Amino acid sequence: MTILPFGDRALLTEVAGSDEVLPLHAGLAASRPDGVVDIVPAARTVLVRIDPRALPLDVARAWIERVAGAGTGDAAAPADATTIELDIVYDGPDLADTAALLGVSAEALVARHRETVWTVAFTGSRQGSDISPATTGRSTCRASTPRARAFQSARWGSRGRTAERIRGPRPVDGA
């Protein structure tokens, strides 16, 4: 783990990957002292923005080191996490190739995907760039040939799609 200054109002903590980011983020969020403005997880980093009038950088650094060293963060979804279920149509052009790469039928791949509870660790700026850490022990590589254009609907690895709105604010139940 490396903690780097990010200007005079933030610290950037670099770790090996999302398997370390999520517990660190959870631990920091659970023990957040006054003066922490924001805690932002990414693929291999956690950015901690602070108000230096309330929390000096050296004190924030010691807090991050203490939380990371304690290993108290839990990567499980917090109790107040929102579950969003999406109706997916599995008809993408890479479905059969991905199934073959994993040594299963397309039907088995769809069943595995539907049975998995996915956690979005963070979102990117492009449609389809939500990052969900691999929790199943199975991974796939990029397509062997690049796409001539990006998909216009919400697609994941061109294996499936949904008509659901996946960007922007969602209505709150009962609102």
Protein backbone atom coordinates (compact mmCIF):
# COMPACT_ATOMS: atom_id res chain seq x y z
CA MET A 1 0.00 0.00 0.00
CA THR A 2 1.21 3.47 -0.89
CA ILE A 3 -0.32 6.73 0.33
CA LEU A 4 0.40 9.75 -1.86
CA PRO A 5 -0.50 13.41 -1.38
CA PHE A 6 -3.10 14.58 -3.87
CA GLY A 7 -2.69 18.33 -3.59
CA ASP A 8 -3.14 19.89 -0.17
CA ARG A 9 -6.68 18.54 0.39
CA ALA A 10 -6.53 14.84 -0.40
CA LEU A 11 -4.59 11.60 -0.09
CA LEU A 12 -4.55 8.86 -2.71
CA THR A 13 -4.06 5.34 -1.39
CA GLU A 14 -2.81 2.80 -3.94
CA VAL A 15 -3.39 -0.91 -3.34
CA ALA A 16 -3.04 -4.09 -5.41
CA GLY A 17 -6.62 -4.29 -6.67
CA SER A 18 -10.35 -4.23 -5.96
CA ASP A 19 -10.01 -7.08 -3.46
CA GLU A 20 -8.12 -4.55 -1.29
CA VAL A 21 -10.00 -1.40 -2.37
CA LEU A 22 -13.45 -2.53 -1.24
CA PRO A 23 -12.49 -3.52 2.33
CA LEU A 24 -10.34 -0.39 2.71
CA HIS A 25 -13.18 1.80 1.47
CA ALA A 26 -15.63 0.06 3.83
CA GLY A 27 -13.27 0.45 6.79
CA LEU A 28 -12.66 4.12 6.07
CA ALA A 29 -16.38 4.80 5.61
CA ALA A 30 -17.20 3.04 8.88
CA SER A 31 -14.66 5.05 10.88
CA ARG A 32 -14.87 8.39 9.05
CA PRO A 33 -13.59 11.23 11.25
CA ASP A 34 -14.78 14.82 11.09
CA GLY A 35 -13.02 16.63 8.27
CA VAL A 36 -13.34 13.86 5.68
CA VAL A 37 -15.16 15.40 2.70
CA ASP A 38 -15.32 12.35 0.45
CA ILE A 39 -13.99 8.81 0.09
CA VAL A 40 -13.78 7.74 -3.56
CA PRO A 41 -12.93 4.13 -4.52
CA ALA A 42 -11.53 3.18 -7.93
CA ALA A 43 -9.94 0.07 -9.46
CA ARG A 44 -6.71 0.16 -7.39
CA THR A 45 -7.01 3.36 -5.37
CA VAL A 46 -9.04 5.10 -2.71
CA LEU A 47 -9.03 8.89 -2.76
CA VAL A 48 -9.74 10.58 0.56
CA ARG A 49 -10.67 14.26 0.24
CA ILE A 50 -10.39 16.27 3.43
CA ASP A 51 -10.96 19.72 4.86
CA PRO A 52 -7.46 20.47 6.21
CA ARG A 53 -8.89 23.00 8.69
CA ALA A 54 -10.73 20.15 10.43
CA LEU A 55 -8.38 17.24 9.68
CA PRO A 56 -4.70 17.85 8.89
CA LEU A 57 -3.16 15.65 6.16
CA ASP A 58 -0.76 13.94 8.58
CA VAL A 59 -3.66 12.96 10.86
CA ALA A 60 -5.66 11.72 7.86
CA ARG A 61 -2.65 9.66 6.71
CA ALA A 62 -2.32 8.07 10.16
CA TRP A 63 -6.06 7.24 10.14
CA ILE A 64 -5.80 5.57 6.70
CA GLU A 65 -2.73 3.58 7.81
CA ARG A 66 -4.48 2.48 11.01
CA VAL A 67 -7.64 1.36 9.17
CA ALA A 68 -5.62 -0.44 6.47
CA GLY A 69 -3.43 -2.13 9.06
CA ALA A 70 -6.39 -3.26 11.12
CA GLY A 71 -8.00 -5.00 8.15
CA THR A 72 -11.39 -4.23 9.64
CA GLY A 73 -13.13 -3.31 6.41
CA ASP A 74 -15.71 -5.71 5.06
CA ALA A 75 -16.13 -5.85 1.28
CA ALA A 76 -19.74 -6.97 1.66
CA ALA A 77 -22.42 -4.50 0.67
CA PRO A 78 -23.33 -2.09 3.46
CA ALA A 79 -26.66 -2.58 5.20
CA ASP A 80 -28.09 0.50 3.48
CA ALA A 81 -27.00 -0.59 -0.02
CA THR A 82 -29.63 -0.44 -2.72
CA THR A 83 -30.38 -3.59 -4.68
CA ILE A 84 -31.35 -2.98 -8.28
CA GLU A 85 -32.58 -5.88 -10.36
CA LEU A 86 -32.29 -5.58 -14.14
CA ASP A 87 -34.11 -7.60 -16.75
CA ILE A 88 -31.38 -8.78 -19.11
CA VAL A 89 -31.81 -10.16 -22.63
CA TYR A 90 -28.87 -12.44 -23.37
CA ASP A 91 -28.53 -12.18 -27.14
CA GLY A 92 -25.19 -10.43 -27.63
CA PRO A 93 -22.82 -11.39 -30.43
CA ASP A 94 -20.15 -12.59 -27.97
CA LEU A 95 -22.33 -14.85 -25.86
CA ALA A 96 -21.39 -18.12 -27.61
CA ASP A 97 -17.68 -17.21 -27.80
CA THR A 98 -17.57 -16.26 -24.12
CA ALA A 99 -19.32 -19.49 -23.13
CA ALA A 100 -16.85 -21.50 -25.22
CA LEU A 101 -13.92 -19.63 -23.64
CA LEU A 102 -15.21 -20.67 -20.22
CA GLY A 103 -15.96 -24.23 -21.33
CA VAL A 104 -19.71 -24.05 -20.73
CA SER A 105 -22.84 -23.79 -22.85
CA ALA A 106 -24.42 -20.40 -23.54
CA GLU A 107 -27.34 -21.48 -21.33
CA ALA A 108 -24.98 -22.34 -18.45
CA LEU A 109 -23.21 -18.99 -18.82
CA VAL A 110 -26.54 -17.15 -18.68
CA ALA A 111 -27.55 -19.15 -15.60
CA ARG A 112 -24.23 -18.32 -13.86
CA HIS A 113 -24.62 -14.65 -14.68
CA ARG A 114 -28.23 -14.54 -13.43
CA GLU A 115 -27.33 -16.35 -10.18
CA THR A 116 -24.48 -13.97 -9.33
CA VAL A 117 -25.14 -10.96 -7.12
CA TRP A 118 -23.04 -8.23 -8.74
CA THR A 119 -21.61 -5.30 -6.81
CA VAL A 120 -20.77 -2.15 -8.71
CA ALA A 121 -17.62 -0.89 -7.03
CA PHE A 122 -17.58 2.37 -8.95
CA THR A 123 -18.72 3.80 -12.26
CA GLY A 124 -16.80 5.36 -15.10
CA SER A 125 -17.62 8.07 -17.56
CA ARG A 126 -18.63 5.80 -20.45
CA GLN A 127 -21.79 3.77 -20.74
CA GLY A 128 -21.01 0.19 -19.76
CA SER A 129 -17.91 1.15 -17.77
CA ASP A 130 -19.31 0.18 -14.38
CA ILE A 131 -16.66 -1.85 -12.64
CA SER A 132 -17.82 -4.98 -10.89
CA PRO A 133 -15.05 -6.91 -9.19
CA ALA A 134 -14.71 -10.54 -10.18
CA THR A 135 -16.29 -12.45 -7.34
CA THR A 136 -16.89 -15.70 -9.15
CA GLY A 137 -13.29 -16.73 -9.86
CA ARG A 138 -14.02 -16.68 -13.59
CA SER A 139 -12.81 -14.00 -15.95
CA THR A 140 -12.72 -13.36 -19.65
CA CYS A 141 -10.46 -11.33 -21.88
CA ARG A 142 -11.23 -8.66 -24.42
CA ALA A 143 -12.66 -9.65 -27.79
CA SER A 144 -10.06 -10.86 -30.29
CA THR A 145 -11.14 -8.20 -32.79
CA PRO A 146 -12.04 -4.61 -31.86
CA ARG A 147 -15.56 -3.36 -32.35
CA ALA A 148 -16.15 -0.96 -35.24
CA ARG A 149 -18.46 1.08 -32.99
CA ALA A 150 -19.63 1.16 -29.41
CA PHE A 151 -22.98 -0.38 -28.56
CA GLN A 152 -25.73 2.19 -28.10
CA SER A 153 -27.81 0.18 -25.64
CA ALA A 154 -26.70 -0.86 -22.19
CA ARG A 155 -24.58 -3.92 -22.99
CA TRP A 156 -22.05 -5.83 -20.94
CA GLY A 157 -19.23 -7.20 -23.01
CA SER A 158 -21.72 -7.54 -25.88
CA ARG A 159 -23.20 -10.61 -24.19
CA GLY A 160 -26.50 -9.14 -23.07
CA ARG A 161 -28.56 -5.96 -22.89
CA THR A 162 -31.25 -4.25 -20.86
CA ALA A 163 -33.88 -1.62 -21.52
CA GLU A 164 -33.44 -0.38 -17.93
CA ARG A 165 -32.04 3.07 -17.25
CA ILE A 166 -28.61 2.48 -15.74
CA ARG A 167 -27.30 6.04 -15.66
CA GLY A 168 -28.53 9.02 -13.71
CA PRO A 169 -30.71 9.26 -10.63
CA ARG A 170 -33.20 6.53 -9.90
CA PRO A 171 -36.58 7.21 -8.39
CA VAL A 172 -36.84 6.40 -4.69
CA ASP A 173 -39.48 3.83 -3.76
CA GLY A 174 -42.70 5.57 -2.76
CA ALA A 175 -41.66 8.87 -4.32
